[in-house]
Amino acid sequence: MAGIKMFGISSFDVRMISYDPGDVAVIHPEAYPIDVDAFLTTLGWSNSADEPIRMQHFYEDQSLPDRLPQVSSPHPFFVSPGHQCSPQAVLRLLKHFTTDEREREKLGEFEISSPEVAVLSEFRSARVPREHIFELFPPLRPREFSIASASLAHPHEVQLCVAVVDYKSELRVRRPRRAELRIEITKGLPALPPDSTTPVVCVGRGTGVAPARAMLEARVHLGLRDNTLFFGHRAPGKDDHYLREWAALAEAGNLTYHTSCRGFAGRPRRHAADLRARSHWQLIHDRSTWMYISGCPRVCELHWWTSLREEWELGEAEARAYVAWLERERLFEECRS
């Protein structure tokens, strides 16, 4: 892996799609055809790659995967919607289809010492019948991303804030960076306050700032200025997504912006959820402010929970009861997508 590069915006042709702040973009992955060809050759299915297979229920009370055709062939089946092999399942099932005794013994060693190693090409005597496709290669699950834009500010466009891994395969072949994929929009749990005069506080970390950006953009577009953002990132110049946007909004009086980062060696670490604890908890308590927390759930939860208990001098049971009340009143919500 060469490293992790972060980018802020990825656009799609969504002229017929509408969405609200807090909604989620669901992207359906696909495999590269050239990889599928090599994979089918490894399985010994290259000569039958285009022979049709009929899909039907084994258990009538269970539904088939989304968009799975009733009749397909191995090649398009593996390209779309994309399939992944579970290493442990492959190791377990390959034992039944391996005719070489030495390879069967080696499979046992792989299962014990290296369960995550890609093993299909290592065991040439293994020939998996096509009837066992679903057992070894379940469909890839769609990926969900909180939308980072507001349709009011960016009509006919969906923007995402995601981490992209730029890597080369074991053969030193750089993976393609562009593809056309199927995307759909689903409703998210977060929603803007129905009363436009309600103040909003957002706490985001890294790419988790995506839903916060969507909500803040929508409010600013509507002329609402009582907005606060606490944003955490790794270090100055790293992962400080939309920094210029936040600075411009703050300068225009549309946003109160607080940022923090892990800092450098020898310096204490500070987190966005630690900053001005008295300020945002007081806003929620006194002004019925709506607060949204997104990003790394465990890290954010640890710090806002600590700040709440320290600020109000509450015991654990009292703090949990208070947060439960905030959630019932829809003053507090975690954005997990």
Foldseek 3Di string as FASTA:
>chain_A
DPDKDWDWWDKDQQQPDADAQQWKKWWQAFDDLVVLCVVCVLQVCNVQQFPKDADDDPDPVDDDDPPDDRIGGNRVVCGPSHWDFQLLLCLVVQLVQAPDPVVNVVSVVCNPPPSPDDCSNVRSRGHDDPVCCCSGIPGDGIDMFRFQAACLVVPSITIATDMDDFDADPVRHTDDDDDDTDMDMDHGDDDDDPDLQAAEEEEAEQSFCRSVNHVLNVNVSVVRQRYEYQYEYAEVPGSPPPVVVQVVCVVVRRYHYHYAHQYDPPDHGDGSLQPPLVVPVVSCVPRVHAYEYTYDVVVNVVSVLVSVCVNVVDDPVVSVVVVVVCVVVNRYYYSYD
